Amino acid sequence: MENSSRRVLKTTNAVRELVPTPWDRNDFVREVGRLRGRRLVLKPVQATAMSRLPCGLWLALKQHDEIAYDADSSEYHIDQTIFHEVGHMLLEHHSEGGAFVGLAELLPDIDLDALQFVMTRNNFDDEQESEAELFADLLMSTAVSRFRRSSVMTDVWGRR
């Protein structure tokens, strides 16, 4: 197994206990924030605003972190996006870029002066994106295992 995959597996195993039973997105996000010592906020964004942009964003601000995601996605896709962005956080990925064109339009209440960097979920060709996606896939398997009653699974099967 290559070093990158080992690192992802080790990180995933270390935080698997943060995945609540039954699945609850807000509890998971709160626990991730507690683990990192930084408040984590979810920002649902309307699909029309996200259509030209990545599936999800991690915004590292001076005092807290935010994950923006497409509010009109399925519950499953929202959770996958959140796991992916959390993967970037826990794997200590960083971006060289700050704000990008359209960020203020996408998130009009964001304090661009407090923004340290933005990780965008739009290119799966580099190592950081591959690691974050593997992390998300592994944690999703925990959240939707047959031993868990999960809103994610009911979303996949269409039962509510």
C-alpha atoms as a PDB file:
ATOM      1  CA  MET A   1       0.000   0.000   0.000  1.00  0.00           C
ATOM      2  CA  GLU A   2       1.420   3.377  -0.927  1.00  0.00           C
ATOM      3  CA  ASN A   3       2.210   5.976   1.761  1.00  0.00           C
ATOM      4  CA  SER A   4      -0.667   8.241   0.730  1.00  0.00           C
ATOM      5  CA  SER A   5      -3.230   5.451   1.138  1.00  0.00           C
ATOM      6  CA  ARG A   6      -1.729   4.398   4.465  1.00  0.00           C
ATOM      7  CA  ARG A   7      -1.946   7.966   5.735  1.00  0.00           C
ATOM      8  CA  VAL A   8      -5.600   8.234   4.689  1.00  0.00           C
ATOM      9  CA  LEU A   9      -6.474   4.886   6.254  1.00  0.00           C
ATOM     10  CA  LYS A  10      -4.704   5.787   9.507  1.00  0.00           C
ATOM     11  CA  THR A  11      -6.505   9.148   9.680  1.00  0.00           C
ATOM     12  CA  THR A  12      -9.870   7.575   8.837  1.00  0.00           C
ATOM     13  CA  ASN A  13      -9.472   4.917  11.525  1.00  0.00           C
ATOM     14  CA  ALA A  14      -8.481   7.564  14.069  1.00  0.00           C
ATOM     15  CA  VAL A  15     -11.691   9.554  13.542  1.00  0.00           C
ATOM     16  CA  ARG A  16     -14.179   6.798  12.711  1.00  0.00           C
ATOM     17  CA  GLU A  17     -15.518   7.012  16.275  1.00  0.00           C
ATOM     18  CA  LEU A  18     -16.695  10.570  15.505  1.00  0.00           C
ATOM     19  CA  VAL A  19     -19.338   9.176  13.141  1.00  0.00           C
ATOM     20  CA  PRO A  20     -22.492   9.063  15.297  1.00  0.00           C
ATOM     21  CA  THR A  21     -24.968   6.190  15.436  1.00  0.00           C
ATOM     22  CA  PRO A  22     -27.532   6.814  14.109  1.00  0.00           C
ATOM     23  CA  TRP A  23     -25.965   9.203  11.612  1.00  0.00           C
ATOM     24  CA  ASP A  24     -26.391  12.886  12.435  1.00  0.00           C
ATOM     25  CA  ARG A  25     -24.560  15.423  10.278  1.00  0.00           C
ATOM     26  CA  ASN A  26     -24.641  18.200  12.880  1.00  0.00           C
ATOM     27  CA  ASP A  27     -23.274  15.964  15.642  1.00  0.00           C
ATOM     28  CA  PHE A  28     -20.451  14.843  13.356  1.00  0.00           C
ATOM     29  CA  VAL A  29     -19.542  18.420  12.425  1.00  0.00           C
ATOM     30  CA  ARG A  30     -19.590  19.479  16.077  1.00  0.00           C
ATOM     31  CA  GLU A  31     -17.256  16.587  17.002  1.00  0.00           C
ATOM     32  CA  VAL A  32     -14.847  17.416  14.169  1.00  0.00           C
ATOM     33  CA  GLY A  33     -14.736  21.015  15.383  1.00  0.00           C
ATOM     34  CA  ARG A  34     -14.073  19.850  18.925  1.00  0.00           C
ATOM     35  CA  LEU A  35     -11.300  17.505  17.755  1.00  0.00           C
ATOM     36  CA  ARG A  36      -9.596  20.280  15.792  1.00  0.00           C
ATOM     37  CA  GLY A  37     -10.197  22.988  18.403  1.00  0.00           C
ATOM     38  CA  ARG A  38     -11.899  25.153  15.734  1.00  0.00           C
ATOM     39  CA  ARG A  39     -15.595  25.717  15.258  1.00  0.00           C
ATOM     40  CA  LEU A  40     -16.867  24.204  12.001  1.00  0.00           C
ATOM     41  CA  VAL A  41     -19.904  25.745  10.299  1.00  0.00           C
ATOM     42  CA  LEU A  42     -21.940  24.287   7.438  1.00  0.00           C
ATOM     43  CA  LYS A  43     -23.076  26.737   4.741  1.00  0.00           C
ATOM     44  CA  PRO A  44     -25.771  25.427   2.395  1.00  0.00           C
ATOM     45  CA  VAL A  45     -25.703  27.351  -0.881  1.00  0.00           C
ATOM     46  CA  GLN A  46     -28.435  27.333  -3.527  1.00  0.00           C
ATOM     47  CA  ALA A  47     -27.687  25.196  -6.577  1.00  0.00           C
ATOM     48  CA  THR A  48     -27.963  28.105  -8.983  1.00  0.00           C
ATOM     49  CA  ALA A  49     -25.053  29.802  -7.214  1.00  0.00           C
ATOM     50  CA  MET A  50     -23.014  26.564  -7.089  1.00  0.00           C
ATOM     51  CA  SER A  51     -23.584  25.617 -10.737  1.00  0.00           C
ATOM     52  CA  ARG A  52     -20.415  27.318 -11.970  1.00  0.00           C
ATOM     53  CA  LEU A  53     -18.362  26.362  -8.932  1.00  0.00           C
ATOM     54  CA  PRO A  54     -17.014  23.256  -7.146  1.00  0.00           C
ATOM     55  CA  CYS A  55     -19.232  20.720  -5.391  1.00  0.00           C
ATOM     56  CA  GLY A  56     -17.972  21.949  -2.056  1.00  0.00           C
ATOM     57  CA  LEU A  57     -15.608  24.414  -0.456  1.00  0.00           C
ATOM     58  CA  TRP A  58     -13.586  24.474   2.742  1.00  0.00           C
ATOM     59  CA  LEU A  59     -13.091  28.047   3.836  1.00  0.00           C
ATOM     60  CA  ALA A  60     -10.417  28.437   6.486  1.00  0.00           C
ATOM     61  CA  LEU A  61     -11.105  31.681   8.309  1.00  0.00           C
ATOM     62  CA  LYS A  62      -9.079  33.202  11.136  1.00  0.00           C
ATOM     63  CA  GLN A  63     -11.458  32.060  13.910  1.00  0.00           C
ATOM     64  CA  HIS A  64     -13.306  29.087  12.405  1.00  0.00           C
ATOM     65  CA  ASP A  65     -13.828  26.894   9.352  1.00  0.00           C
ATOM     66  CA  GLU A  66     -16.788  26.701   6.994  1.00  0.00           C
ATOM     67  CA  ILE A  67     -17.890  24.066   4.516  1.00  0.00           C
ATOM     68  CA  ALA A  68     -20.107  25.370   1.714  1.00  0.00           C
ATOM     69  CA  TYR A  69     -22.128  22.795  -0.210  1.00  0.00           C
ATOM     70  CA  ASP A  70     -24.974  22.617  -2.715  1.00  0.00           C
ATOM     71  CA  ALA A  71     -28.165  22.812  -0.643  1.00  0.00           C
ATOM     72  CA  ASP A  72     -30.170  21.158  -3.427  1.00  0.00           C
ATOM     73  CA  SER A  73     -28.032  17.992  -3.547  1.00  0.00           C
ATOM     74  CA  SER A  74     -29.217  14.683  -2.165  1.00  0.00           C
ATOM     75  CA  GLU A  75     -28.526  14.040   1.499  1.00  0.00           C
ATOM     76  CA  TYR A  76     -26.007  11.407   0.406  1.00  0.00           C
ATOM     77  CA  HIS A  77     -24.090  13.845  -1.802  1.00  0.00           C
ATOM     78  CA  ILE A  78     -24.123  16.535   0.906  1.00  0.00           C
ATOM     79  CA  ASP A  79     -22.611  14.081   3.388  1.00  0.00           C
ATOM     80  CA  GLN A  80     -20.018  12.930   0.834  1.00  0.00           C
ATOM     81  CA  THR A  81     -19.053  16.569   0.211  1.00  0.00           C
ATOM     82  CA  ILE A  82     -18.757  17.266   3.935  1.00  0.00           C
ATOM     83  CA  PHE A  83     -16.640  14.144   4.495  1.00  0.00           C
ATOM     84  CA  HIS A  84     -14.429  15.165   1.579  1.00  0.00           C
ATOM     85  CA  GLU A  85     -13.824  18.653   2.988  1.00  0.00           C
ATOM     86  CA  VAL A  86     -13.266  17.251   6.493  1.00  0.00           C
ATOM     87  CA  GLY A  87     -10.721  14.921   4.891  1.00  0.00           C
ATOM     88  CA  HIS A  88      -8.798  17.959   3.673  1.00  0.00           C
ATOM     89  CA  MET A  89      -8.866  19.363   7.209  1.00  0.00           C
ATOM     90  CA  LEU A  90      -7.794  16.230   9.030  1.00  0.00           C
ATOM     91  CA  LEU A  91      -5.178  15.322   6.435  1.00  0.00           C
ATOM     92  CA  GLU A  92      -3.806  18.857   6.852  1.00  0.00           C
ATOM     93  CA  HIS A  93      -4.149  19.828   3.207  1.00  0.00           C
ATOM     94  CA  HIS A  94      -3.676  23.443   2.240  1.00  0.00           C
ATOM     95  CA  SER A  95      -4.324  25.600  -0.746  1.00  0.00           C
ATOM     96  CA  GLU A  96      -2.170  28.420  -1.986  1.00  0.00           C
ATOM     97  CA  GLY A  97      -5.246  30.328  -3.085  1.00  0.00           C
ATOM     98  CA  GLY A  98      -7.421  32.693  -1.139  1.00  0.00           C
ATOM     99  CA  ALA A  99     -10.690  34.009  -2.487  1.00  0.00           C
ATOM    100  CA  PHE A 100     -11.579  33.267  -6.086  1.00  0.00           C
ATOM    101  CA  VAL A 101     -13.719  35.164  -8.561  1.00  0.00           C
ATOM    102  CA  GLY A 102     -17.338  34.669  -7.574  1.00  0.00           C
ATOM    103  CA  LEU A 103     -16.729  33.778  -3.920  1.00  0.00           C
ATOM    104  CA  ALA A 104     -18.272  37.001  -2.608  1.00  0.00           C
ATOM    105  CA  GLU A 105     -21.291  36.386  -4.875  1.00  0.00           C
ATOM    106  CA  LEU A 106     -21.588  32.789  -3.703  1.00  0.00           C
ATOM    107  CA  LEU A 107     -21.247  33.692  -0.007  1.00  0.00           C
ATOM    108  CA  PRO A 108     -22.158  37.372   0.314  1.00  0.00           C
ATOM    109  CA  ASP A 109     -21.793  37.367   4.120  1.00  0.00           C
ATOM    110  CA  ILE A 110     -18.203  36.081   4.106  1.00  0.00           C
ATOM    111  CA  ASP A 111     -15.516  38.277   5.623  1.00  0.00           C
ATOM    112  CA  LEU A 112     -12.855  38.153   2.905  1.00  0.00           C
ATOM    113  CA  ASP A 113     -10.347  39.817   5.257  1.00  0.00           C
ATOM    114  CA  ALA A 114     -10.677  36.876   7.675  1.00  0.00           C
ATOM    115  CA  LEU A 115     -10.223  34.304   4.905  1.00  0.00           C
ATOM    116  CA  GLN A 116      -6.920  32.449   5.126  1.00  0.00           C
ATOM    117  CA  PHE A 117      -7.465  30.042   2.223  1.00  0.00           C
ATOM    118  CA  VAL A 118     -10.095  28.116   0.276  1.00  0.00           C
ATOM    119  CA  MET A 119      -9.979  24.442  -0.687  1.00  0.00           C
ATOM    120  CA  THR A 120     -12.277  23.719  -3.597  1.00  0.00           C
ATOM    121  CA  ARG A 121     -13.684  20.348  -4.581  1.00  0.00           C
ATOM    122  CA  ASN A 122     -13.379  20.466  -8.360  1.00  0.00           C
ATOM    123  CA  ASN A 123     -10.219  18.705  -9.481  1.00  0.00           C
ATOM    124  CA  PHE A 124      -9.699  15.064  -8.586  1.00  0.00           C
ATOM    125  CA  ASP A 125      -6.385  14.706 -10.412  1.00  0.00           C
ATOM    126  CA  ASP A 126      -3.998  15.821  -7.673  1.00  0.00           C
ATOM    127  CA  GLU A 127      -2.894  13.886  -4.617  1.00  0.00           C
ATOM    128  CA  GLN A 128      -4.721  16.057  -2.056  1.00  0.00           C
ATOM    129  CA  GLU A 129      -8.024  15.606  -3.893  1.00  0.00           C
ATOM    130  CA  SER A 130      -7.480  11.855  -4.247  1.00  0.00           C
ATOM    131  CA  GLU A 131      -6.697  11.558  -0.538  1.00  0.00           C
ATOM    132  CA  ALA A 132      -9.738  13.596   0.486  1.00  0.00           C
ATOM    133  CA  GLU A 133     -11.991  11.540  -1.774  1.00  0.00           C
ATOM    134  CA  LEU A 134     -10.648   8.252  -0.400  1.00  0.00           C
ATOM    135  CA  PHE A 135     -11.129   9.565   3.150  1.00  0.00           C
ATOM    136  CA  ALA A 136     -14.736  10.526   2.296  1.00  0.00           C
ATOM    137  CA  ASP A 137     -15.446   7.133   0.727  1.00  0.00           C
ATOM    138  CA  LEU A 138     -14.093   5.283   3.754  1.00  0.00           C
ATOM    139  CA  LEU A 139     -16.073   7.387   6.233  1.00  0.00           C
ATOM    140  CA  MET A 140     -19.225   7.106   4.107  1.00  0.00           C
ATOM    141  CA  SER A 141     -18.964   3.343   4.419  1.00  0.00           C
ATOM    142  CA  THR A 142     -19.022   3.833   8.190  1.00  0.00           C
ATOM    143  CA  ALA A 143     -22.000   6.198   8.065  1.00  0.00           C
ATOM    144  CA  VAL A 144     -24.050   3.879   5.855  1.00  0.00           C
ATOM    145  CA  SER A 145     -22.989   0.478   7.158  1.00  0.00           C
ATOM    146  CA  ARG A 146     -25.745  -2.080   7.512  1.00  0.00           C
ATOM    147  CA  PHE A 147     -25.418  -1.759  11.292  1.00  0.00           C
ATOM    148  CA  ARG A 148     -26.469   1.885  11.324  1.00  0.00           C
ATOM    149  CA  ARG A 149     -29.888   3.435  10.885  1.00  0.00           C
ATOM    150  CA  SER A 150     -28.983   6.293   8.631  1.00  0.00           C
ATOM    151  CA  SER A 151     -30.680   9.230   6.916  1.00  0.00           C
ATOM    152  CA  VAL A 152     -28.046   8.753   4.240  1.00  0.00           C
ATOM    153  CA  MET A 153     -29.305   5.238   3.486  1.00  0.00           C
ATOM    154  CA  THR A 154     -32.941   6.275   3.508  1.00  0.00           C
ATOM    155  CA  ASP A 155     -32.029   9.017   1.054  1.00  0.00           C
ATOM    156  CA  VAL A 156     -30.304   6.514  -1.243  1.00  0.00           C
ATOM    157  CA  TRP A 157     -33.273   4.131  -1.161  1.00  0.00           C
ATOM    158  CA  GLY A 158     -35.846   6.912  -1.252  1.00  0.00           C
ATOM    159  CA  ARG A 159     -37.604   6.075   2.008  1.00  0.00           C
ATOM    160  CA  ARG A 160     -38.299   8.727   4.593  1.00  0.00           C
END
